[in-house]
Structure formats: C-alpha cells, structure tokens
C-alpha cells in the first residue's frame, strides 16, 4: 500500500507505472532495502572487503544497482517522451525534469533523489502502520476508542478523507505512541564537521566521525517517560511533546537540517492508512491466539520491522 501511494506520487501510477520488463519495481526495491540494512563487514573493517566477494554481497549490490538504474532510466525516458497532451497530472519525475531544464541537475542526481524518496518513503511508513496495528490489537480498549472516534468523524462517508484528519485527535495520539515505542529508524547516523566535546568534557569526538543517535533508547528513557514500555496514547493528551524535531525525547524523524524531508508526506500516509483500516474493518486475532502471544520481536536492519508478519482477521463494516 505504501509503495502504491509513493509510486502514484513519483510515477503517476501505482507499482512503478509498469515501466520495463523483468523484475517488478517492488522486487528491486525490496532487495535494495535488504542490502542497505544487511551487515556489511567492509563497513566496519575496510581491509576485509574481500569477504563480500565470497559471500555474494558484492554481486548482489552490483545486480541491485543495475536493476535500479535500468528501471529509473526507463521511467525517466517515458516521462521525457510523453507529450503535454497525454501527460495527465504531473508527478515527482515531471517536477524534477522541469527543474533539470533550469539547473545543472544530472540524471544520476535525479535517480538518487528518486531512490531516496522510495527507500525512505515506503519502508518506514509500512513499518509504522504495522506496528500501530500491532499495538492496537494488543490493546483492545485503545482500539475501540480510536475506532469510535474515526467512525463518528467520517460517518456517512465511504472512507476517511484528508480533510477529516485534523479532527482525529485520539488517532494522532495513538500514532504518536507508536512512533515512541517503535521509531521506524531506531539508529540515526550523523557525521561531525569539526571536533567537539560532549557530556562536560567526558567524550571527545574528532572531525569526520560517524556518530549514531539511539532514538529508540531516547524515546523509552525511564528518566523521561513514566512506564516507558507501556503503550498509552493518553500520555500525549495534555503533553506538548511532538515528533517534529523540537523535543529530544521523541525524534522518529530526526531533527534540524538533516531531519527527514518527507515527514509531512509520511504522517499523511500513515494517518490515512490507519484511519481507514479502523473505519472500514473490525479486527481480531486468529482463533487461539491471545494478545499476550503476539510476537513483538524486531528484525535487524535500518528500518525496524516486526520480525514475524502481523496476521489479523478483518471483517468489513458498513458505515
């Protein structure tokens, strides 16, 4: 679903616009995301890069790069070839091509922007939606309250619309609670541009050093949060804490100039998706599985997914 939303915004059609042959864009993107999050010995011990030639990582990286470049070249070519008469609504590629005509933006830079849009825009949103539904199914009182709000606000409509979202205050608390317990990217890297000293001189960090911020630990710090491991959207009811980079206890999108540029788009996708899942369906666990038995383990990788897929039974509701 997240892939389809981002594909429509970038290509003007779901699933990559059907460009090209061979692997689907979803398959190419999945392999790329796996490689980005996979342990790479050369990242830690550059002198042992030869290991990647033996275990096949170098080959997979080369194939993934070739597949991605081929796909992006095809869709960019299609956008260049189509005329104004049949172009329909403009998408991200159309905008970038217009920018390219007025600047020195190269095709390689254009491809890099598109890759950032997809890697950052699909995997993270998907993970957040899954974790939110997981917490809701484990907390039926919260789920019922969120459903009641959504169904009251969108009553008589076929689906929840973007204009309804500002009225869904409790849903926003639910998603904020999900971001706190399950930040989509738990470790955010930064690089120092100059030497600095932190923690009262306890640590000296040289220039050009990669530093990782443990966002997952920060958002579950018992010195800041009461009952930090508890999913409680109500904790945000009277709280000014937000996730847009102003409060260090909750930074799922990072902060400052290097914060996530797609924060507004991501929040919109997540809120609309969760709102409509609650609006159109009733949800329950498969027979014989209790809320306490739901696996909450996380998979390894840059994006923090559930280790085991979430399996729920949906019942369509006529609103």
C-alpha atoms as a PDB file:
ATOM      1  CA  UNK A   1       0.000   0.000   0.000  1.00  0.00           C
ATOM      2  CA  UNK A   2       2.763   2.451   0.936  1.00  0.00           C
ATOM      3  CA  UNK A   3       4.592   1.530  -2.258  1.00  0.00           C
ATOM      4  CA  UNK A   4       1.467   2.252  -4.326  1.00  0.00           C
ATOM      5  CA  UNK A   5       0.956   5.659  -2.690  1.00  0.00           C
ATOM      6  CA  UNK A   6       4.566   6.723  -3.250  1.00  0.00           C
ATOM      7  CA  UNK A   7       4.529   5.254  -6.789  1.00  0.00           C
ATOM      8  CA  UNK A   8       1.496   7.358  -7.687  1.00  0.00           C
ATOM      9  CA  UNK A   9       3.228  10.476  -6.384  1.00  0.00           C
ATOM     10  CA  UNK A  10       6.502   9.737  -8.198  1.00  0.00           C
ATOM     11  CA  UNK A  11       5.435   7.943 -11.384  1.00  0.00           C
ATOM     12  CA  UNK A  12       1.765   8.876 -11.692  1.00  0.00           C
ATOM     13  CA  UNK A  13       0.774   5.195 -11.420  1.00  0.00           C
ATOM     14  CA  UNK A  14       0.892   2.501  -8.705  1.00  0.00           C
ATOM     15  CA  UNK A  15       3.661  -0.074  -8.613  1.00  0.00           C
ATOM     16  CA  UNK A  16       6.162   1.928 -10.622  1.00  0.00           C
ATOM     17  CA  UNK A  17       3.959   2.726 -13.581  1.00  0.00           C
ATOM     18  CA  UNK A  18       4.533  -0.618 -15.254  1.00  0.00           C
ATOM     19  CA  UNK A  19       7.786   0.526 -16.785  1.00  0.00           C
ATOM     20  CA  UNK A  20      10.163  -2.041 -18.074  1.00  0.00           C
ATOM     21  CA  UNK A  21      10.464  -5.798 -18.112  1.00  0.00           C
ATOM     22  CA  UNK A  22      11.938  -8.408 -15.820  1.00  0.00           C
ATOM     23  CA  UNK A  23      11.818  -7.834 -12.069  1.00  0.00           C
ATOM     24  CA  UNK A  24       8.997  -5.697 -10.716  1.00  0.00           C
ATOM     25  CA  UNK A  25       9.917  -2.444  -9.022  1.00  0.00           C
ATOM     26  CA  UNK A  26       8.662  -3.870  -5.724  1.00  0.00           C
ATOM     27  CA  UNK A  27      11.137  -6.770  -6.019  1.00  0.00           C
ATOM     28  CA  UNK A  28      14.005  -4.442  -6.921  1.00  0.00           C
ATOM     29  CA  UNK A  29      13.201  -2.093  -4.042  1.00  0.00           C
ATOM     30  CA  UNK A  30      12.891  -4.954  -1.544  1.00  0.00           C
ATOM     31  CA  UNK A  31      16.327  -6.313  -2.475  1.00  0.00           C
ATOM     32  CA  UNK A  32      17.845  -2.825  -2.202  1.00  0.00           C
ATOM     33  CA  UNK A  33      16.350  -2.304   1.246  1.00  0.00           C
ATOM     34  CA  UNK A  34      17.646  -5.693   2.388  1.00  0.00           C
ATOM     35  CA  UNK A  35      21.161  -4.824   1.227  1.00  0.00           C
ATOM     36  CA  UNK A  36      21.093  -1.405   2.915  1.00  0.00           C
ATOM     37  CA  UNK A  37      20.169  -2.966   6.251  1.00  0.00           C
ATOM     38  CA  UNK A  38      22.319  -6.081   5.974  1.00  0.00           C
ATOM     39  CA  UNK A  39      25.560  -6.490   7.907  1.00  0.00           C
ATOM     40  CA  UNK A  40      28.466  -5.487   5.672  1.00  0.00           C
ATOM     41  CA  UNK A  41      31.850  -6.396   7.097  1.00  0.00           C
ATOM     42  CA  UNK A  42      33.626  -3.809   4.907  1.00  0.00           C
ATOM     43  CA  UNK A  43      31.719  -1.001   6.668  1.00  0.00           C
ATOM     44  CA  UNK A  44      33.500  -1.886   9.914  1.00  0.00           C
ATOM     45  CA  UNK A  45      36.750  -3.420   8.655  1.00  0.00           C
ATOM     46  CA  UNK A  46      37.591  -1.945   5.213  1.00  0.00           C
ATOM     47  CA  UNK A  47      40.555  -4.287   4.846  1.00  0.00           C
ATOM     48  CA  UNK A  48      38.199  -7.271   4.899  1.00  0.00           C
ATOM     49  CA  UNK A  49      36.187  -6.177   1.878  1.00  0.00           C
ATOM     50  CA  UNK A  50      37.244  -9.403   0.154  1.00  0.00           C
ATOM     51  CA  UNK A  51      34.712 -11.257   2.339  1.00  0.00           C
ATOM     52  CA  UNK A  52      31.905  -9.626   0.345  1.00  0.00           C
ATOM     53  CA  UNK A  53      33.214 -11.237  -2.834  1.00  0.00           C
ATOM     54  CA  UNK A  54      32.949 -14.651  -1.204  1.00  0.00           C
ATOM     55  CA  UNK A  55      29.559 -14.313   0.495  1.00  0.00           C
ATOM     56  CA  UNK A  56      27.921 -12.786  -2.589  1.00  0.00           C
ATOM     57  CA  UNK A  57      27.219  -9.323  -1.175  1.00  0.00           C
ATOM     58  CA  UNK A  58      29.288  -7.572  -3.871  1.00  0.00           C
ATOM     59  CA  UNK A  59      27.422  -9.470  -6.593  1.00  0.00           C
ATOM     60  CA  UNK A  60      24.022  -8.629  -5.095  1.00  0.00           C
ATOM     61  CA  UNK A  61      24.963  -4.953  -4.761  1.00  0.00           C
ATOM     62  CA  UNK A  62      26.045  -4.821  -8.416  1.00  0.00           C
ATOM     63  CA  UNK A  63      22.847  -6.538  -9.584  1.00  0.00           C
ATOM     64  CA  UNK A  64      20.664  -4.282  -7.445  1.00  0.00           C
ATOM     65  CA  UNK A  65      22.383  -1.166  -8.762  1.00  0.00           C
ATOM     66  CA  UNK A  66      21.986  -2.367 -12.347  1.00  0.00           C
ATOM     67  CA  UNK A  67      18.295  -3.163 -11.832  1.00  0.00           C
ATOM     68  CA  UNK A  68      17.595   0.184 -10.162  1.00  0.00           C
ATOM     69  CA  UNK A  69      19.442   2.208 -12.781  1.00  0.00           C
ATOM     70  CA  UNK A  70      17.689   0.354 -15.589  1.00  0.00           C
ATOM     71  CA  UNK A  71      14.286   0.903 -14.031  1.00  0.00           C
ATOM     72  CA  UNK A  72      14.802   4.608 -13.350  1.00  0.00           C
ATOM     73  CA  UNK A  73      16.237   5.168 -16.845  1.00  0.00           C
ATOM     74  CA  UNK A  74      13.101   3.621 -18.352  1.00  0.00           C
ATOM     75  CA  UNK A  75      10.604   5.647 -16.329  1.00  0.00           C
ATOM     76  CA  UNK A  76      12.562   8.888 -16.801  1.00  0.00           C
ATOM     77  CA  UNK A  77      12.699   8.176 -20.540  1.00  0.00           C
ATOM     78  CA  UNK A  78       8.939   7.555 -20.629  1.00  0.00           C
ATOM     79  CA  UNK A  79       8.291  10.875 -18.902  1.00  0.00           C
ATOM     80  CA  UNK A  80      10.564  12.691 -21.338  1.00  0.00           C
ATOM     81  CA  UNK A  81       8.859  11.105 -24.352  1.00  0.00           C
ATOM     82  CA  UNK A  82       5.251  11.698 -23.472  1.00  0.00           C
ATOM     83  CA  UNK A  83       3.675  14.906 -24.720  1.00  0.00           C
ATOM     84  CA  UNK A  84       1.921  17.575 -22.672  1.00  0.00           C
ATOM     85  CA  UNK A  85      -1.389  16.385 -24.105  1.00  0.00           C
ATOM     86  CA  UNK A  86      -1.168  12.875 -22.704  1.00  0.00           C
ATOM     87  CA  UNK A  87       0.899  13.545 -19.597  1.00  0.00           C
ATOM     88  CA  UNK A  88      -2.092  13.921 -17.288  1.00  0.00           C
ATOM     89  CA  UNK A  89      -1.368  15.186 -13.789  1.00  0.00           C
ATOM     90  CA  UNK A  90       2.247  15.966 -13.070  1.00  0.00           C
ATOM     91  CA  UNK A  91       4.207  13.761 -10.675  1.00  0.00           C
ATOM     92  CA  UNK A  92       7.570  13.999  -8.919  1.00  0.00           C
ATOM     93  CA  UNK A  93       9.516  12.997 -12.032  1.00  0.00           C
ATOM     94  CA  UNK A  94       7.761  15.691 -14.080  1.00  0.00           C
ATOM     95  CA  UNK A  95       8.726  18.271 -11.453  1.00  0.00           C
ATOM     96  CA  UNK A  96      12.342  17.079 -11.377  1.00  0.00           C
ATOM     97  CA  UNK A  97      12.567  17.175 -15.173  1.00  0.00           C
ATOM     98  CA  UNK A  98      11.338  20.768 -15.146  1.00  0.00           C
ATOM     99  CA  UNK A  99      13.945  21.605 -12.507  1.00  0.00           C
ATOM    100  CA  UNK A 100      16.587  19.864 -14.632  1.00  0.00           C
ATOM    101  CA  UNK A 101      15.856  22.178 -17.568  1.00  0.00           C
ATOM    102  CA  UNK A 102      16.525  25.208 -15.379  1.00  0.00           C
ATOM    103  CA  UNK A 103      19.529  23.895 -13.437  1.00  0.00           C
ATOM    104  CA  UNK A 104      22.534  21.574 -13.590  1.00  0.00           C
ATOM    105  CA  UNK A 105      20.659  18.582 -12.148  1.00  0.00           C
ATOM    106  CA  UNK A 106      22.086  15.441 -13.764  1.00  0.00           C
ATOM    107  CA  UNK A 107      20.263  12.192 -14.480  1.00  0.00           C
ATOM    108  CA  UNK A 108      22.364  10.437 -11.821  1.00  0.00           C
ATOM    109  CA  UNK A 109      21.296  13.022  -9.247  1.00  0.00           C
ATOM    110  CA  UNK A 110      17.694  12.635 -10.367  1.00  0.00           C
ATOM    111  CA  UNK A 111      17.915   8.860  -9.861  1.00  0.00           C
ATOM    112  CA  UNK A 112      19.441   9.355  -6.410  1.00  0.00           C
ATOM    113  CA  UNK A 113      16.543  11.619  -5.396  1.00  0.00           C
ATOM    114  CA  UNK A 114      14.001   9.049  -6.590  1.00  0.00           C
ATOM    115  CA  UNK A 115      15.794   6.279  -4.699  1.00  0.00           C
ATOM    116  CA  UNK A 116      15.722   8.364  -1.508  1.00  0.00           C
ATOM    117  CA  UNK A 117      12.005   9.006  -1.994  1.00  0.00           C
ATOM    118  CA  UNK A 118      11.222   5.304  -2.268  1.00  0.00           C
ATOM    119  CA  UNK A 119      13.606   3.811   0.276  1.00  0.00           C
ATOM    120  CA  UNK A 120      12.653   6.412   2.885  1.00  0.00           C
ATOM    121  CA  UNK A 121       9.007   6.751   1.903  1.00  0.00           C
ATOM    122  CA  UNK A 122       7.768   3.173   1.638  1.00  0.00           C
ATOM    123  CA  UNK A 123       9.611   1.010   4.157  1.00  0.00           C
ATOM    124  CA  UNK A 124       9.287   3.427   7.074  1.00  0.00           C
ATOM    125  CA  UNK A 125       5.577   4.094   6.539  1.00  0.00           C
ATOM    126  CA  UNK A 126       4.861   0.380   6.179  1.00  0.00           C
ATOM    127  CA  UNK A 127       6.702  -0.410   9.416  1.00  0.00           C
ATOM    128  CA  UNK A 128       4.818   2.298  11.315  1.00  0.00           C
ATOM    129  CA  UNK A 129       1.411   1.135  10.057  1.00  0.00           C
ATOM    130  CA  UNK A 130       2.170  -2.474  11.038  1.00  0.00           C
ATOM    131  CA  UNK A 131       3.453  -1.527  14.498  1.00  0.00           C
ATOM    132  CA  UNK A 132       0.446   0.730  15.100  1.00  0.00           C
ATOM    133  CA  UNK A 133      -1.994  -2.046  14.207  1.00  0.00           C
ATOM    134  CA  UNK A 134       0.026  -4.431  16.387  1.00  0.00           C
ATOM    135  CA  UNK A 135      -0.260  -2.160  19.413  1.00  0.00           C
ATOM    136  CA  UNK A 136      -3.974  -1.622  18.766  1.00  0.00           C
ATOM    137  CA  UNK A 137      -4.729  -5.346  18.579  1.00  0.00           C
ATOM    138  CA  UNK A 138      -2.813  -5.844  21.845  1.00  0.00           C
ATOM    139  CA  UNK A 139      -4.734  -3.004  23.497  1.00  0.00           C
ATOM    140  CA  UNK A 140      -8.429  -3.516  22.649  1.00  0.00           C
ATOM    141  CA  UNK A 141      -9.638  -0.591  24.802  1.00  0.00           C
ATOM    142  CA  UNK A 142      -7.411   1.790  22.836  1.00  0.00           C
ATOM    143  CA  UNK A 143      -8.529   0.210  19.556  1.00  0.00           C
ATOM    144  CA  UNK A 144     -12.224   0.633  20.369  1.00  0.00           C
ATOM    145  CA  UNK A 145     -11.711   4.256  21.395  1.00  0.00           C
ATOM    146  CA  UNK A 146      -9.796   5.040  18.190  1.00  0.00           C
ATOM    147  CA  UNK A 147     -12.416   3.276  16.042  1.00  0.00           C
ATOM    148  CA  UNK A 148     -15.241   5.126  17.760  1.00  0.00           C
ATOM    149  CA  UNK A 149     -13.589   8.476  17.042  1.00  0.00           C
ATOM    150  CA  UNK A 150     -12.849   7.643  13.392  1.00  0.00           C
ATOM    151  CA  UNK A 151     -16.360   6.324  12.715  1.00  0.00           C
ATOM    152  CA  UNK A 152     -18.019   9.336  14.315  1.00  0.00           C
ATOM    153  CA  UNK A 153     -15.944  11.837  12.338  1.00  0.00           C
ATOM    154  CA  UNK A 154     -16.298  10.063   8.954  1.00  0.00           C
ATOM    155  CA  UNK A 155     -19.883   8.871   9.456  1.00  0.00           C
ATOM    156  CA  UNK A 156     -21.804   8.599   6.179  1.00  0.00           C
ATOM    157  CA  UNK A 157     -18.658   8.717   4.026  1.00  0.00           C
ATOM    158  CA  UNK A 158     -17.209   5.819   2.004  1.00  0.00           C
ATOM    159  CA  UNK A 159     -13.787   6.399   3.551  1.00  0.00           C
ATOM    160  CA  UNK A 160     -11.811   8.733   5.780  1.00  0.00           C
ATOM    161  CA  UNK A 161     -10.547  11.736   3.806  1.00  0.00           C
ATOM    162  CA  UNK A 162      -7.567  14.001   4.325  1.00  0.00           C
ATOM    163  CA  UNK A 163      -9.878  16.793   5.493  1.00  0.00           C
ATOM    164  CA  UNK A 164     -11.021  14.564   8.395  1.00  0.00           C
ATOM    165  CA  UNK A 165      -7.546  14.054   9.850  1.00  0.00           C
ATOM    166  CA  UNK A 166      -7.278  17.311  11.876  1.00  0.00           C
ATOM    167  CA  UNK A 167     -10.390  16.211  13.821  1.00  0.00           C
ATOM    168  CA  UNK A 168      -8.927  12.821  14.782  1.00  0.00           C
ATOM    169  CA  UNK A 169      -7.090  13.904  17.929  1.00  0.00           C
ATOM    170  CA  UNK A 170      -7.048  10.491  19.606  1.00  0.00           C
ATOM    171  CA  UNK A 171      -5.817   8.755  16.452  1.00  0.00           C
ATOM    172  CA  UNK A 172      -2.925  11.215  16.380  1.00  0.00           C
ATOM    173  CA  UNK A 173      -2.096  10.273  19.982  1.00  0.00           C
ATOM    174  CA  UNK A 174      -2.187   6.586  19.006  1.00  0.00           C
ATOM    175  CA  UNK A 175       0.259   7.125  16.146  1.00  0.00           C
ATOM    176  CA  UNK A 176       2.472   9.285  18.337  1.00  0.00           C
ATOM    177  CA  UNK A 177       2.552   6.445  20.862  1.00  0.00           C
ATOM    178  CA  UNK A 178       3.511   4.030  18.090  1.00  0.00           C
ATOM    179  CA  UNK A 179       6.340   6.311  16.939  1.00  0.00           C
ATOM    180  CA  UNK A 180       7.606   6.486  20.530  1.00  0.00           C
ATOM    181  CA  UNK A 181       7.778   2.727  21.090  1.00  0.00           C
ATOM    182  CA  UNK A 182       8.709   1.794  17.532  1.00  0.00           C
ATOM    183  CA  UNK A 183      10.663   4.556  15.759  1.00  0.00           C
ATOM    184  CA  UNK A 184      10.928   3.355  12.136  1.00  0.00           C
ATOM    185  CA  UNK A 185      14.658   4.130  12.050  1.00  0.00           C
ATOM    186  CA  UNK A 186      15.953   3.431  15.584  1.00  0.00           C
ATOM    187  CA  UNK A 187      19.550   4.499  14.895  1.00  0.00           C
ATOM    188  CA  UNK A 188      20.213   7.753  13.040  1.00  0.00           C
ATOM    189  CA  UNK A 189      23.754   8.436  11.746  1.00  0.00           C
ATOM    190  CA  UNK A 190      25.401  11.845  11.635  1.00  0.00           C
ATOM    191  CA  UNK A 191      28.964  12.941  10.863  1.00  0.00           C
ATOM    192  CA  UNK A 192      30.861  15.639  12.710  1.00  0.00           C
ATOM    193  CA  UNK A 193      32.189  18.504  10.589  1.00  0.00           C
ATOM    194  CA  UNK A 194      34.612  19.634  13.314  1.00  0.00           C
ATOM    195  CA  UNK A 195      35.983  18.289  16.617  1.00  0.00           C
ATOM    196  CA  UNK A 196      33.647  18.581  19.575  1.00  0.00           C
ATOM    197  CA  UNK A 197      33.422  17.645  23.239  1.00  0.00           C
ATOM    198  CA  UNK A 198      30.211  16.463  24.893  1.00  0.00           C
ATOM    199  CA  UNK A 199      28.933  15.452  28.329  1.00  0.00           C
ATOM    200  CA  UNK A 200      31.029  18.004  30.192  1.00  0.00           C
ATOM    201  CA  UNK A 201      34.278  17.013  28.524  1.00  0.00           C
ATOM    202  CA  UNK A 202      33.795  13.301  29.093  1.00  0.00           C
ATOM    203  CA  UNK A 203      33.813  12.460  25.391  1.00  0.00           C
ATOM    204  CA  UNK A 204      35.934  13.991  22.641  1.00  0.00           C
ATOM    205  CA  UNK A 205      34.717  13.340  19.096  1.00  0.00           C
ATOM    206  CA  UNK A 206      37.157  14.091  16.240  1.00  0.00           C
ATOM    207  CA  UNK A 207      36.068  15.704  12.988  1.00  0.00           C
ATOM    208  CA  UNK A 208      34.643  13.439  10.269  1.00  0.00           C
ATOM    209  CA  UNK A 209      33.478  10.867  12.820  1.00  0.00           C
ATOM    210  CA  UNK A 210      30.243   8.997  12.252  1.00  0.00           C
ATOM    211  CA  UNK A 211      28.002   9.214  15.314  1.00  0.00           C
ATOM    212  CA  UNK A 212      24.826   7.182  15.800  1.00  0.00           C
ATOM    213  CA  UNK A 213      21.925   8.535  17.846  1.00  0.00           C
ATOM    214  CA  UNK A 214      19.905   5.791  19.519  1.00  0.00           C
ATOM    215  CA  UNK A 215      16.408   7.198  19.002  1.00  0.00           C
ATOM    216  CA  UNK A 216      14.781   4.018  20.307  1.00  0.00           C
ATOM    217  CA  UNK A 217      16.570   4.365  23.657  1.00  0.00           C
ATOM    218  CA  UNK A 218      15.821   8.092  23.868  1.00  0.00           C
ATOM    219  CA  UNK A 219      12.093   7.576  23.346  1.00  0.00           C
ATOM    220  CA  UNK A 220      11.970   4.855  26.031  1.00  0.00           C
ATOM    221  CA  UNK A 221      14.168   6.576  28.614  1.00  0.00           C
ATOM    222  CA  UNK A 222      12.712   5.912  32.108  1.00  0.00           C
ATOM    223  CA  UNK A 223      14.185   9.226  33.267  1.00  0.00           C
ATOM    224  CA  UNK A 224      11.821  10.988  30.850  1.00  0.00           C
ATOM    225  CA  UNK A 225       8.840   8.673  30.409  1.00  0.00           C
ATOM    226  CA  UNK A 226       6.694   7.106  33.113  1.00  0.00           C
ATOM    227  CA  UNK A 227       6.193   3.391  32.410  1.00  0.00           C
ATOM    228  CA  UNK A 228       8.301   3.775  29.250  1.00  0.00           C
ATOM    229  CA  UNK A 229       7.433   0.362  27.748  1.00  0.00           C
ATOM    230  CA  UNK A 230       3.689   0.877  28.082  1.00  0.00           C
ATOM    231  CA  UNK A 231       1.615   1.791  25.020  1.00  0.00           C
ATOM    232  CA  UNK A 232      -0.503   4.639  26.377  1.00  0.00           C
ATOM    233  CA  UNK A 233      -1.711   7.233  23.840  1.00  0.00           C
ATOM    234  CA  UNK A 234      -3.344   9.141  26.713  1.00  0.00           C
ATOM    235  CA  UNK A 235       0.101  10.233  27.910  1.00  0.00           C
ATOM    236  CA  UNK A 236       0.110  12.691  24.982  1.00  0.00           C
ATOM    237  CA  UNK A 237      -3.334  14.145  25.717  1.00  0.00           C
ATOM    238  CA  UNK A 238      -2.060  17.142  27.691  1.00  0.00           C
ATOM    239  CA  UNK A 239       1.543  16.902  26.529  1.00  0.00           C
ATOM    240  CA  UNK A 240       3.307  19.381  24.271  1.00  0.00           C
ATOM    241  CA  UNK A 241       5.796  16.728  23.155  1.00  0.00           C
ATOM    242  CA  UNK A 242       5.701  16.329  19.380  1.00  0.00           C
ATOM    243  CA  UNK A 243       7.741  14.332  16.876  1.00  0.00           C
ATOM    244  CA  UNK A 244       8.689  17.174  14.521  1.00  0.00           C
ATOM    245  CA  UNK A 245      12.176  17.720  15.921  1.00  0.00           C
ATOM    246  CA  UNK A 246      11.586  20.111  18.821  1.00  0.00           C
ATOM    247  CA  UNK A 247      11.656  17.535  21.626  1.00  0.00           C
ATOM    248  CA  UNK A 248      14.660  15.251  22.012  1.00  0.00           C
ATOM    249  CA  UNK A 249      12.641  12.628  23.877  1.00  0.00           C
ATOM    250  CA  UNK A 250      10.726  11.858  20.668  1.00  0.00           C
ATOM    251  CA  UNK A 251      12.613  12.132  17.368  1.00  0.00           C
ATOM    252  CA  UNK A 252      11.348   9.440  14.953  1.00  0.00           C
ATOM    253  CA  UNK A 253      12.095  11.751  12.005  1.00  0.00           C
ATOM    254  CA  UNK A 254      15.347  13.202  13.301  1.00  0.00           C
ATOM    255  CA  UNK A 255      15.774  16.950  13.688  1.00  0.00           C
ATOM    256  CA  UNK A 256      17.389  20.013  12.183  1.00  0.00           C
ATOM    257  CA  UNK A 257      18.650  20.395   8.632  1.00  0.00           C
ATOM    258  CA  UNK A 258      19.272  16.658   8.359  1.00  0.00           C
ATOM    259  CA  UNK A 259      15.810  15.727   9.580  1.00  0.00           C
ATOM    260  CA  UNK A 260      13.527  13.689   7.332  1.00  0.00           C
ATOM    261  CA  UNK A 261      12.318  15.952   4.474  1.00  0.00           C
ATOM    262  CA  UNK A 262       9.312  13.703   3.879  1.00  0.00           C
ATOM    263  CA  UNK A 263       7.842  13.998   7.371  1.00  0.00           C
ATOM    264  CA  UNK A 264       4.555  15.602   6.273  1.00  0.00           C
ATOM    265  CA  UNK A 265       4.015  13.094   3.457  1.00  0.00           C
ATOM    266  CA  UNK A 266       4.831  10.161   5.737  1.00  0.00           C
ATOM    267  CA  UNK A 267       2.481  11.306   8.509  1.00  0.00           C
ATOM    268  CA  UNK A 268      -0.309  11.815   5.977  1.00  0.00           C
ATOM    269  CA  UNK A 269       0.131   8.298   4.554  1.00  0.00           C
ATOM    270  CA  UNK A 270       0.239   6.670   8.000  1.00  0.00           C
ATOM    271  CA  UNK A 271      -2.724   8.594   9.419  1.00  0.00           C
ATOM    272  CA  UNK A 272      -4.917   7.989   6.370  1.00  0.00           C
ATOM    273  CA  UNK A 273      -4.000   4.309   6.209  1.00  0.00           C
ATOM    274  CA  UNK A 274      -4.621   3.565   9.889  1.00  0.00           C
ATOM    275  CA  UNK A 275      -7.785   5.687   9.969  1.00  0.00           C
ATOM    276  CA  UNK A 276      -9.305   3.818   7.026  1.00  0.00           C
ATOM    277  CA  UNK A 277      -8.270   0.408   8.356  1.00  0.00           C
ATOM    278  CA  UNK A 278     -10.141   1.231  11.563  1.00  0.00           C
ATOM    279  CA  UNK A 279     -13.061   2.840   9.734  1.00  0.00           C
ATOM    280  CA  UNK A 280     -13.800   0.105   7.205  1.00  0.00           C
ATOM    281  CA  UNK A 281     -12.898  -3.027   9.183  1.00  0.00           C
ATOM    282  CA  UNK A 282     -13.198  -4.698  12.552  1.00  0.00           C
ATOM    283  CA  UNK A 283     -10.031  -6.550  13.507  1.00  0.00           C
ATOM    284  CA  UNK A 284      -9.275  -9.580  15.635  1.00  0.00           C
ATOM    285  CA  UNK A 285      -6.524 -12.124  16.160  1.00  0.00           C
ATOM    286  CA  UNK A 286      -6.782 -15.624  14.678  1.00  0.00           C
ATOM    287  CA  UNK A 287      -8.584 -18.207  16.788  1.00  0.00           C
ATOM    288  CA  UNK A 288      -6.494 -19.499  19.663  1.00  0.00           C
ATOM    289  CA  UNK A 289      -4.026 -16.590  19.777  1.00  0.00           C
ATOM    290  CA  UNK A 290      -4.187 -14.105  22.646  1.00  0.00           C
ATOM    291  CA  UNK A 291      -2.899 -10.529  22.676  1.00  0.00           C
ATOM    292  CA  UNK A 292      -0.099 -11.583  25.025  1.00  0.00           C
ATOM    293  CA  UNK A 293       1.113 -14.129  22.464  1.00  0.00           C
ATOM    294  CA  UNK A 294       1.647 -11.598  19.666  1.00  0.00           C
ATOM    295  CA  UNK A 295       5.345 -11.627  18.769  1.00  0.00           C
ATOM    296  CA  UNK A 296       6.860  -8.188  19.429  1.00  0.00           C
ATOM    297  CA  UNK A 297      10.409  -9.043  18.359  1.00  0.00           C
ATOM    298  CA  UNK A 298      12.080  -6.744  15.854  1.00  0.00           C
ATOM    299  CA  UNK A 299      14.011  -7.675  12.733  1.00  0.00           C
ATOM    300  CA  UNK A 300      17.538  -6.463  12.059  1.00  0.00           C
ATOM    301  CA  UNK A 301      18.018  -3.666   9.565  1.00  0.00           C
ATOM    302  CA  UNK A 302      17.988   0.088   9.139  1.00  0.00           C
ATOM    303  CA  UNK A 303      14.175   0.132   9.379  1.00  0.00           C
ATOM    304  CA  UNK A 304      12.709  -1.572  12.435  1.00  0.00           C
ATOM    305  CA  UNK A 305      10.106  -4.074  11.170  1.00  0.00           C
ATOM    306  CA  UNK A 306       8.293  -6.778  13.091  1.00  0.00           C
ATOM    307  CA  UNK A 307      10.322  -9.965  12.930  1.00  0.00           C
ATOM    308  CA  UNK A 308       7.213 -12.038  12.196  1.00  0.00           C
ATOM    309  CA  UNK A 309       4.387 -10.731   9.978  1.00  0.00           C
ATOM    310  CA  UNK A 310       1.263  -9.471  11.718  1.00  0.00           C
ATOM    311  CA  UNK A 311      -1.643 -11.816  10.995  1.00  0.00           C
ATOM    312  CA  UNK A 312      -5.138 -10.420  11.680  1.00  0.00           C
ATOM    313  CA  UNK A 313      -8.682 -11.281  10.630  1.00  0.00           C
ATOM    314  CA  UNK A 314     -10.614  -8.379   9.100  1.00  0.00           C
ATOM    315  CA  UNK A 315     -14.400  -8.055   8.954  1.00  0.00           C
ATOM    316  CA  UNK A 316     -15.831  -5.448   6.586  1.00  0.00           C
ATOM    317  CA  UNK A 317     -18.058  -2.889   8.308  1.00  0.00           C
ATOM    318  CA  UNK A 318     -20.801  -0.964   6.514  1.00  0.00           C
ATOM    319  CA  UNK A 319     -20.508   2.604   7.754  1.00  0.00           C
END
